Amino acid sequence: MDAATVRPHELRFLDRGQGKMTGVSDVYSFDDHEILLATTAGLLTIRGKELHVSRLCLEEGEVDVEGHIDSLVYSDSGRKNHKDQALLARLFR
């Protein structure tokens, strides 16, 4: 996405089970316990149980998730650095 098409970042969740997000530029990784997204507001890590990306439209910057959401954590870390850390964390679980 270029600067002219950057969309605002918005989160909407219903009962910690369904979420809709805008302003998403990339999905770095996802499994049933963690989803790592690049957003216009920084890196967003979603943790929980039985997580699932139910809809992904990066052209529009939209992502829908389902599952039991335990936490949402934003980070301003560099994308590459955080992606590498996530990979190392998975290797040594």
PDB file of N, CA and C in Angstrom:
ATOM      1  N   MET A   1       0.836  -1.173   0.000  1.00  0.00           N
ATOM      2  CA  MET A   1       0.000   0.000   0.000  1.00  0.00           C
ATOM      3  C   MET A   1       0.882   1.238   0.000  1.00  0.00           C
ATOM      4  N   ASP A   2       0.574   2.201  -0.843  1.00  0.00           N
ATOM      5  CA  ASP A   2       1.337   3.439  -0.813  1.00  0.00           C
ATOM      6  C   ASP A   2       0.657   4.428   0.121  1.00  0.00           C
ATOM      7  N   ALA A   3       1.312   5.589   0.327  1.00  0.00           N
ATOM      8  CA  ALA A   3       0.802   6.560   1.291  1.00  0.00           C
ATOM      9  C   ALA A   3      -0.591   7.066   0.931  1.00  0.00           C
ATOM     10  N   ALA A   4      -0.920   7.117  -0.352  1.00  0.00           N
ATOM     11  CA  ALA A   4      -2.223   7.617  -0.775  1.00  0.00           C
ATOM     12  C   ALA A   4      -3.354   6.651  -0.428  1.00  0.00           C
ATOM     13  N   THR A   5      -3.044   5.363  -0.255  1.00  0.00           N
ATOM     14  CA  THR A   5      -4.097   4.377   0.017  1.00  0.00           C
ATOM     15  C   THR A   5      -4.050   3.826   1.438  1.00  0.00           C
ATOM     16  N   VAL A   6      -3.261   4.436   2.314  1.00  0.00           N
ATOM     17  CA  VAL A   6      -3.187   3.959   3.691  1.00  0.00           C
ATOM     18  C   VAL A   6      -4.540   4.178   4.359  1.00  0.00           C
ATOM     19  N   ARG A   7      -5.072   3.117   4.907  1.00  0.00           N
ATOM     20  CA  ARG A   7      -6.370   3.174   5.567  1.00  0.00           C
ATOM     21  C   ARG A   7      -6.165   3.266   7.078  1.00  0.00           C
ATOM     22  N   PRO A   8      -7.090   3.900   7.761  1.00  0.00           N
ATOM     23  CA  PRO A   8      -6.973   3.961   9.219  1.00  0.00           C
ATOM     24  C   PRO A   8      -7.090   2.565   9.823  1.00  0.00           C
ATOM     25  N   HIS A   9      -6.432   2.385  10.938  1.00  0.00           N
ATOM     26  CA  HIS A   9      -6.473   1.099  11.634  1.00  0.00           C
ATOM     27  C   HIS A   9      -7.658   1.109  12.593  1.00  0.00           C
ATOM     28  N   GLU A  10      -8.489   0.096  12.469  1.00  0.00           N
ATOM     29  CA  GLU A  10      -9.656  -0.010  13.331  1.00  0.00           C
ATOM     30  C   GLU A  10      -9.841  -1.463  13.751  1.00  0.00           C
ATOM     31  N   LEU A  11     -10.215  -1.647  15.008  1.00  0.00           N
ATOM     32  CA  LEU A  11     -10.512  -2.981  15.551  1.00  0.00           C
ATOM     33  C   LEU A  11     -11.952  -3.008  16.033  1.00  0.00           C
ATOM     34  N   ARG A  12     -12.635  -4.097  15.740  1.00  0.00           N
ATOM     35  CA  ARG A  12     -13.983  -4.323  16.267  1.00  0.00           C
ATOM     36  C   ARG A  12     -14.058  -5.781  16.673  1.00  0.00           C
ATOM     37  N   PHE A  13     -14.371  -6.004  17.957  1.00  0.00           N
ATOM     38  CA  PHE A  13     -14.479  -7.365  18.450  1.00  0.00           C
ATOM     39  C   PHE A  13     -15.842  -7.589  19.091  1.00  0.00           C
ATOM     40  N   LEU A  14     -16.340  -8.790  18.936  1.00  0.00           N
ATOM     41  CA  LEU A  14     -17.610  -9.185  19.525  1.00  0.00           C
ATOM     42  C   LEU A  14     -17.343 -10.341  20.485  1.00  0.00           C
ATOM     43  N   ASP A  15     -17.538 -10.093  21.776  1.00  0.00           N
ATOM     44  CA  ASP A  15     -17.428 -11.131  22.804  1.00  0.00           C
ATOM     45  C   ASP A  15     -16.116 -11.912  22.767  1.00  0.00           C
ATOM     46  N   ARG A  16     -15.026 -11.270  22.422  1.00  0.00           N
ATOM     47  CA  ARG A  16     -13.703 -11.906  22.392  1.00  0.00           C
ATOM     48  C   ARG A  16     -13.648 -13.108  21.459  1.00  0.00           C
ATOM     49  N   GLY A  17     -14.628 -13.247  20.566  1.00  0.00           N
ATOM     50  CA  GLY A  17     -14.666 -14.417  19.702  1.00  0.00           C
ATOM     51  C   GLY A  17     -14.569 -14.110  18.223  1.00  0.00           C
ATOM     52  N   GLN A  18     -14.969 -12.914  17.823  1.00  0.00           N
ATOM     53  CA  GLN A  18     -14.913 -12.525  16.420  1.00  0.00           C
ATOM     54  C   GLN A  18     -14.348 -11.119  16.338  1.00  0.00           C
ATOM     55  N   GLY A  19     -13.426 -10.918  15.405  1.00  0.00           N
ATOM     56  CA  GLY A  19     -12.828  -9.600  15.250  1.00  0.00           C
ATOM     57  C   GLY A  19     -12.693  -9.205  13.799  1.00  0.00           C
ATOM     58  N   LYS A  20     -12.862  -7.915  13.549  1.00  0.00           N
ATOM     59  CA  LYS A  20     -12.674  -7.346  12.224  1.00  0.00           C
ATOM     60  C   LYS A  20     -11.668  -6.216  12.352  1.00  0.00           C
ATOM     61  N   MET A  21     -10.674  -6.197  11.449  1.00  0.00           N
ATOM     62  CA  MET A  21      -9.636  -5.184  11.499  1.00  0.00           C
ATOM     63  C   MET A  21      -9.439  -4.538  10.146  1.00  0.00           C
ATOM     64  N   THR A  22      -9.140  -3.248  10.157  1.00  0.00           N
ATOM     65  CA  THR A  22      -8.751  -2.535   8.947  1.00  0.00           C
ATOM     66  C   THR A  22      -7.374  -1.941   9.178  1.00  0.00           C
ATOM     67  N   GLY A  23      -6.753  -1.458   8.116  1.00  0.00           N
ATOM     68  CA  GLY A  23      -5.422  -0.884   8.235  1.00  0.00           C
ATOM     69  C   GLY A  23      -4.333  -1.936   8.371  1.00  0.00           C
ATOM     70  N   VAL A  24      -4.594  -3.138   7.873  1.00  0.00           N
ATOM     71  CA  VAL A  24      -3.626  -4.238   7.946  1.00  0.00           C
ATOM     72  C   VAL A  24      -2.860  -4.300   6.631  1.00  0.00           C
ATOM     73  N   SER A  25      -1.532  -4.283   6.719  1.00  0.00           N
ATOM     74  CA  SER A  25      -0.714  -4.305   5.501  1.00  0.00           C
ATOM     75  C   SER A  25      -0.088  -5.670   5.220  1.00  0.00           C
ATOM     76  N   ASP A  26       0.021  -6.527   6.246  1.00  0.00           N
ATOM     77  CA  ASP A  26       0.625  -7.842   6.031  1.00  0.00           C
ATOM     78  C   ASP A  26       0.262  -8.768   7.180  1.00  0.00           C
ATOM     79  N   VAL A  27       0.248 -10.057   6.887  1.00  0.00           N
ATOM     80  CA  VAL A  27       0.088 -11.089   7.905  1.00  0.00           C
ATOM     81  C   VAL A  27       1.405 -11.848   7.929  1.00  0.00           C
ATOM     82  N   TYR A  28       2.148 -11.712   9.029  1.00  0.00           N
ATOM     83  CA  TYR A  28       3.454 -12.369   9.117  1.00  0.00           C
ATOM     84  C   TYR A  28       3.339 -13.845   9.436  1.00  0.00           C
ATOM     85  N   SER A  29       2.444 -14.172  10.354  1.00  0.00           N
ATOM     86  CA  SER A  29       2.274 -15.582  10.710  1.00  0.00           C
ATOM     87  C   SER A  29       0.945 -15.757  11.418  1.00  0.00           C
ATOM     88  N   PHE A  30       0.459 -16.983  11.392  1.00  0.00           N
ATOM     89  CA  PHE A  30      -0.736 -17.299  12.162  1.00  0.00           C
ATOM     90  C   PHE A  30      -0.793 -18.795  12.411  1.00  0.00           C
ATOM     91  N   ASP A  31      -1.277 -19.135  13.567  1.00  0.00           N
ATOM     92  CA  ASP A  31      -1.592 -20.513  13.914  1.00  0.00           C
ATOM     93  C   ASP A  31      -2.766 -20.457  14.890  1.00  0.00           C
ATOM     94  N   ASP A  32      -3.102 -21.566  15.508  1.00  0.00           N
ATOM     95  CA  ASP A  32      -4.295 -21.562  16.357  1.00  0.00           C
ATOM     96  C   ASP A  32      -4.088 -20.889  17.713  1.00  0.00           C
ATOM     97  N   HIS A  33      -2.857 -20.411  18.010  1.00  0.00           N
ATOM     98  CA  HIS A  33      -2.581 -19.728  19.270  1.00  0.00           C
ATOM     99  C   HIS A  33      -2.125 -18.285  19.103  1.00  0.00           C
ATOM    100  N   GLU A  34      -1.660 -17.903  17.897  1.00  0.00           N
ATOM    101  CA  GLU A  34      -1.108 -16.558  17.720  1.00  0.00           C
ATOM    102  C   GLU A  34      -1.224 -16.102  16.267  1.00  0.00           C
ATOM    103  N   ILE A  35      -1.596 -14.832  16.096  1.00  0.00           N
ATOM    104  CA  ILE A  35      -1.646 -14.199  14.781  1.00  0.00           C
ATOM    105  C   ILE A  35      -0.798 -12.937  14.870  1.00  0.00           C
ATOM    106  N   LEU A  36       0.123 -12.762  13.932  1.00  0.00           N
ATOM    107  CA  LEU A  36       1.019 -11.602  13.910  1.00  0.00           C
ATOM    108  C   LEU A  36       0.740 -10.797  12.651  1.00  0.00           C
ATOM    109  N   LEU A  37       0.277  -9.542  12.850  1.00  0.00           N
ATOM    110  CA  LEU A  37      -0.131  -8.677  11.754  1.00  0.00           C
ATOM    111  C   LEU A  37       0.668  -7.379  11.743  1.00  0.00           C
ATOM    112  N   ALA A  38       0.972  -6.872  10.556  1.00  0.00           N
ATOM    113  CA  ALA A  38       1.525  -5.530  10.405  1.00  0.00           C
ATOM    114  C   ALA A  38       0.348  -4.607  10.121  1.00  0.00           C
ATOM    115  N   THR A  39       0.199  -3.562  10.935  1.00  0.00           N
ATOM    116  CA  THR A  39      -0.892  -2.611  10.753  1.00  0.00           C
ATOM    117  C   THR A  39      -0.320  -1.204  10.624  1.00  0.00           C
ATOM    118  N   THR A  40      -1.168  -0.265  10.263  1.00  0.00           N
ATOM    119  CA  THR A  40      -0.720   1.128  10.165  1.00  0.00           C
ATOM    120  C   THR A  40      -0.418   1.714  11.538  1.00  0.00           C
ATOM    121  N   ALA A  41      -0.813   1.022  12.623  1.00  0.00           N
ATOM    122  CA  ALA A  41      -0.543   1.472  13.991  1.00  0.00           C
ATOM    123  C   ALA A  41       0.616   0.712  14.637  1.00  0.00           C
ATOM    124  N   GLY A  42       1.285  -0.163  13.892  1.00  0.00           N
ATOM    125  CA  GLY A  42       2.379  -0.968  14.423  1.00  0.00           C
ATOM    126  C   GLY A  42       2.067  -2.449  14.302  1.00  0.00           C
ATOM    127  N   LEU A  43       2.977  -3.257  14.804  1.00  0.00           N
ATOM    128  CA  LEU A  43       2.768  -4.707  14.787  1.00  0.00           C
ATOM    129  C   LEU A  43       1.716  -5.079  15.825  1.00  0.00           C
ATOM    130  N   LEU A  44       0.816  -5.963  15.450  1.00  0.00           N
ATOM    131  CA  LEU A  44      -0.245  -6.404  16.351  1.00  0.00           C
ATOM    132  C   LEU A  44      -0.149  -7.915  16.512  1.00  0.00           C
ATOM    133  N   THR A  45      -0.015  -8.360  17.748  1.00  0.00           N
ATOM    134  CA  THR A  45      -0.002  -9.786  18.062  1.00  0.00           C
ATOM    135  C   THR A  45      -1.312 -10.124  18.763  1.00  0.00           C
ATOM    136  N   ILE A  46      -2.030 -11.081  18.201  1.00  0.00           N
ATOM    137  CA  ILE A  46      -3.279 -11.557  18.788  1.00  0.00           C
ATOM    138  C   ILE A  46      -2.999 -12.956  19.324  1.00  0.00           C
ATOM    139  N   ARG A  47      -3.273 -13.170  20.605  1.00  0.00           N
ATOM    140  CA  ARG A  47      -3.061 -14.485  21.208  1.00  0.00           C
ATOM    141  C   ARG A  47      -4.377 -15.021  21.741  1.00  0.00           C
ATOM    142  N   GLY A  48      -4.500 -16.343  21.675  1.00  0.00           N
ATOM    143  CA  GLY A  48      -5.708 -16.973  22.176  1.00  0.00           C
ATOM    144  C   GLY A  48      -5.714 -18.458  21.901  1.00  0.00           C
ATOM    145  N   LYS A  49      -6.909 -18.999  21.738  1.00  0.00           N
ATOM    146  CA  LYS A  49      -7.089 -20.429  21.490  1.00  0.00           C
ATOM    147  C   LYS A  49      -7.976 -20.605  20.273  1.00  0.00           C
ATOM    148  N   GLU A  50      -7.672 -21.613  19.487  1.00  0.00           N
ATOM    149  CA  GLU A  50      -8.461 -21.953  18.298  1.00  0.00           C
ATOM    150  C   GLU A  50      -8.657 -20.745  17.379  1.00  0.00           C
ATOM    151  N   LEU A  51      -7.589 -19.959  17.205  1.00  0.00           N
ATOM    152  CA  LEU A  51      -7.663 -18.776  16.349  1.00  0.00           C
ATOM    153  C   LEU A  51      -7.671 -19.181  14.883  1.00  0.00           C
ATOM    154  N   HIS A  52      -8.392 -18.414  14.098  1.00  0.00           N
ATOM    155  CA  HIS A  52      -8.541 -18.705  12.679  1.00  0.00           C
ATOM    156  C   HIS A  52      -8.729 -17.388  11.923  1.00  0.00           C
ATOM    157  N   VAL A  53      -7.980 -17.210  10.838  1.00  0.00           N
ATOM    158  CA  VAL A  53      -8.187 -16.064   9.959  1.00  0.00           C
ATOM    159  C   VAL A  53      -9.314 -16.453   9.007  1.00  0.00           C
ATOM    160  N   SER A  54     -10.492 -15.891   9.231  1.00  0.00           N
ATOM    161  CA  SER A  54     -11.657 -16.299   8.441  1.00  0.00           C
ATOM    162  C   SER A  54     -11.784 -15.523   7.138  1.00  0.00           C
ATOM    163  N   ARG A  55     -11.206 -14.310   7.083  1.00  0.00           N
ATOM    164  CA  ARG A  55     -11.228 -13.520   5.847  1.00  0.00           C
ATOM    165  C   ARG A  55      -9.985 -12.652   5.813  1.00  0.00           C
ATOM    166  N   LEU A  56      -9.354 -12.624   4.647  1.00  0.00           N
ATOM    167  CA  LEU A  56      -8.141 -11.830   4.459  1.00  0.00           C
ATOM    168  C   LEU A  56      -8.235 -11.123   3.119  1.00  0.00           C
ATOM    169  N   CYS A  57      -8.147  -9.795   3.134  1.00  0.00           N
ATOM    170  CA  CYS A  57      -8.166  -8.997   1.915  1.00  0.00           C
ATOM    171  C   CYS A  57      -7.119  -7.894   2.081  1.00  0.00           C
ATOM    172  N   LEU A  58      -5.860  -8.210   1.756  1.00  0.00           N
ATOM    173  CA  LEU A  58      -4.787  -7.243   1.941  1.00  0.00           C
ATOM    174  C   LEU A  58      -4.902  -6.060   0.994  1.00  0.00           C
ATOM    175  N   GLU A  59      -5.557  -6.245  -0.163  1.00  0.00           N
ATOM    176  CA  GLU A  59      -5.740  -5.118  -1.076  1.00  0.00           C
ATOM    177  C   GLU A  59      -6.559  -4.012  -0.406  1.00  0.00           C
ATOM    178  N   GLU A  60      -7.515  -4.405   0.428  1.00  0.00           N
ATOM    179  CA  GLU A  60      -8.345  -3.449   1.169  1.00  0.00           C
ATOM    180  C   GLU A  60      -7.817  -3.233   2.588  1.00  0.00           C
ATOM    181  N   GLY A  61      -6.825  -4.027   2.997  1.00  0.00           N
ATOM    182  CA  GLY A  61      -6.264  -3.905   4.336  1.00  0.00           C
ATOM    183  C   GLY A  61      -7.172  -4.441   5.420  1.00  0.00           C
ATOM    184  N   GLU A  62      -7.958  -5.481   5.094  1.00  0.00           N
ATOM    185  CA  GLU A  62      -8.940  -6.007   6.036  1.00  0.00           C
ATOM    186  C   GLU A  62      -8.658  -7.461   6.403  1.00  0.00           C
ATOM    187  N   VAL A  63      -8.858  -7.769   7.685  1.00  0.00           N
ATOM    188  CA  VAL A  63      -8.686  -9.134   8.190  1.00  0.00           C
ATOM    189  C   VAL A  63      -9.796  -9.404   9.203  1.00  0.00           C
ATOM    190  N   ASP A  64     -10.399 -10.579   9.117  1.00  0.00           N
ATOM    191  CA  ASP A  64     -11.375 -11.037  10.106  1.00  0.00           C
ATOM    192  C   ASP A  64     -10.792 -12.263  10.798  1.00  0.00           C
ATOM    193  N   VAL A  65     -10.931 -12.323  12.115  1.00  0.00           N
ATOM    194  CA  VAL A  65     -10.442 -13.466  12.876  1.00  0.00           C
ATOM    195  C   VAL A  65     -11.558 -14.014  13.750  1.00  0.00           C
ATOM    196  N   GLU A  66     -11.425 -15.300  14.084  1.00  0.00           N
ATOM    197  CA  GLU A  66     -12.368 -15.977  14.977  1.00  0.00           C
ATOM    198  C   GLU A  66     -11.582 -16.829  15.956  1.00  0.00           C
ATOM    199  N   GLY A  67     -12.188 -17.149  17.065  1.00  0.00           N
ATOM    200  CA  GLY A  67     -11.569 -17.982  18.081  1.00  0.00           C
ATOM    201  C   GLY A  67     -11.768 -17.351  19.444  1.00  0.00           C
ATOM    202  N   HIS A  68     -11.061 -17.846  20.445  1.00  0.00           N
ATOM    203  CA  HIS A  68     -11.115 -17.263  21.791  1.00  0.00           C
ATOM    204  C   HIS A  68      -9.902 -16.350  21.942  1.00  0.00           C
ATOM    205  N   ILE A  69     -10.131 -15.056  21.956  1.00  0.00           N
ATOM    206  CA  ILE A  69      -9.045 -14.077  21.985  1.00  0.00           C
ATOM    207  C   ILE A  69      -8.707 -13.751  23.434  1.00  0.00           C
ATOM    208  N   ASP A  70      -7.433 -13.994  23.796  1.00  0.00           N
ATOM    209  CA  ASP A  70      -6.961 -13.708  25.151  1.00  0.00           C
ATOM    210  C   ASP A  70      -6.279 -12.356  25.258  1.00  0.00           C
ATOM    211  N   SER A  71      -5.533 -11.952  24.206  1.00  0.00           N
ATOM    212  CA  SER A  71      -4.817 -10.681  24.298  1.00  0.00           C
ATOM    213  C   SER A  71      -4.529 -10.092  22.926  1.00  0.00           C
ATOM    214  N   LEU A  72      -4.406  -8.767  22.919  1.00  0.00           N
ATOM    215  CA  LEU A  72      -3.992  -7.996  21.755  1.00  0.00           C
ATOM    216  C   LEU A  72      -2.822  -7.134  22.223  1.00  0.00           C
ATOM    217  N   VAL A  73      -1.682  -7.247  21.548  1.00  0.00           N
ATOM    218  CA  VAL A  73      -0.498  -6.503  21.961  1.00  0.00           C
ATOM    219  C   VAL A  73       0.087  -5.796  20.744  1.00  0.00           C
ATOM    220  N   TYR A  74       0.285  -4.473  20.885  1.00  0.00           N
ATOM    221  CA  TYR A  74       0.932  -3.696  19.835  1.00  0.00           C
ATOM    222  C   TYR A  74       2.408  -3.545  20.151  1.00  0.00           C
ATOM    223  N   SER A  75       3.202  -3.501  19.103  1.00  0.00           N
ATOM    224  CA  SER A  75       4.642  -3.309  19.234  1.00  0.00           C
ATOM    225  C   SER A  75       5.095  -2.385  18.122  1.00  0.00           C
ATOM    226  N   ASP A  76       6.036  -1.506  18.444  1.00  0.00           N
ATOM    227  CA  ASP A  76       6.597  -0.622  17.432  1.00  0.00           C
ATOM    228  C   ASP A  76       7.936  -1.137  16.932  1.00  0.00           C
ATOM    229  N   SER A  77       8.277  -2.380  17.271  1.00  0.00           N
ATOM    230  CA  SER A  77       9.538  -2.973  16.831  1.00  0.00           C
ATOM    231  C   SER A  77       9.598  -3.012  15.316  1.00  0.00           C
ATOM    232  N   GLY A  78      10.817  -3.031  14.791  1.00  0.00           N
ATOM    233  CA  GLY A  78      10.993  -3.168  13.353  1.00  0.00           C
ATOM    234  C   GLY A  78      10.385  -4.459  12.865  1.00  0.00           C
ATOM    235  N   ARG A  79       9.789  -4.444  11.688  1.00  0.00           N
ATOM    236  CA  ARG A  79       9.096  -5.622  11.163  1.00  0.00           C
ATOM    237  C   ARG A  79       9.998  -6.826  11.062  1.00  0.00           C
ATOM    238  N   LYS A  80      11.156  -6.658  10.439  1.00  0.00           N
ATOM    239  CA  LYS A  80      12.055  -7.798  10.239  1.00  0.00           C
ATOM    240  C   LYS A  80      12.497  -8.366  11.582  1.00  0.00           C
ATOM    241  N   ASN A  81      12.877  -7.499  12.507  1.00  0.00           N
ATOM    242  CA  ASN A  81      13.353  -7.938  13.810  1.00  0.00           C
ATOM    243  C   ASN A  81      12.267  -8.729  14.539  1.00  0.00           C
ATOM    244  N   HIS A  82      11.045  -8.235  14.546  1.00  0.00           N
ATOM    245  CA  HIS A  82       9.968  -8.926  15.252  1.00  0.00           C
ATOM    246  C   HIS A  82       9.632 -10.250  14.566  1.00  0.00           C
ATOM    247  N   LYS A  83       9.671 -10.275  13.252  1.00  0.00           N
ATOM    248  CA  LYS A  83       9.383 -11.506  12.523  1.00  0.00           C
ATOM    249  C   LYS A  83      10.439 -12.564  12.849  1.00  0.00           C
ATOM    250  N   ASP A  84      11.709 -12.149  12.893  1.00  0.00           N
ATOM    251  CA  ASP A  84      12.782 -13.076  13.238  1.00  0.00           C
ATOM    252  C   ASP A  84      12.619 -13.590  14.665  1.00  0.00           C
ATOM    253  N   GLN A  85      12.230 -12.713  15.603  1.00  0.00           N
ATOM    254  CA  GLN A  85      12.037 -13.126  16.986  1.00  0.00           C
ATOM    255  C   GLN A  85      10.892 -14.136  17.092  1.00  0.00           C
ATOM    256  N   ALA A  86       9.825 -13.909  16.334  1.00  0.00           N
ATOM    257  CA  ALA A  86       8.693 -14.834  16.373  1.00  0.00           C
ATOM    258  C   ALA A  86       9.109 -16.210  15.864  1.00  0.00           C
ATOM    259  N   LEU A  87       9.919 -16.243  14.813  1.00  0.00           N
ATOM    260  CA  LEU A  87      10.400 -17.510  14.283  1.00  0.00           C
ATOM    261  C   LEU A  87      11.266 -18.225  15.308  1.00  0.00           C
ATOM    262  N   LEU A  88      12.171 -17.499  15.958  1.00  0.00           N
ATOM    263  CA  LEU A  88      13.030 -18.117  16.977  1.00  0.00           C
ATOM    264  C   LEU A  88      12.196 -18.626  18.155  1.00  0.00           C
ATOM    265  N   ALA A  89      11.188 -17.860  18.557  1.00  0.00           N
ATOM    266  CA  ALA A  89      10.340 -18.293  19.675  1.00  0.00           C
ATOM    267  C   ALA A  89       9.635 -19.600  19.333  1.00  0.00           C
ATOM    268  N   ARG A  90       9.201 -19.751  18.091  1.00  0.00           N
ATOM    269  CA  ARG A  90       8.530 -20.997  17.701  1.00  0.00           C
ATOM    270  C   ARG A  90       9.498 -22.171  17.700  1.00  0.00           C
ATOM    271  N   LEU A  91      10.734 -21.933  17.262  1.00  0.00           N
ATOM    272  CA  LEU A  91      11.716 -23.008  17.198  1.00  0.00           C
ATOM    273  C   LEU A  91      12.054 -23.541  18.583  1.00  0.00           C
ATOM    274  N   PHE A  92      12.018 -22.657  19.588  1.00  0.00           N
ATOM    275  CA  PHE A  92      12.450 -23.068  20.912  1.00  0.00           C
ATOM    276  C   PHE A  92      11.297 -23.211  21.907  1.00  0.00           C
ATOM    277  N   ARG A  93      10.099 -23.458  21.436  1.00  0.00           N
ATOM    278  CA  ARG A  93       8.944 -23.699  22.340  1.00  0.00           C
ATOM    279  C   ARG A  93       9.070 -25.034  22.995  1.00  0.00           C
TER     280      ARG A  93
END
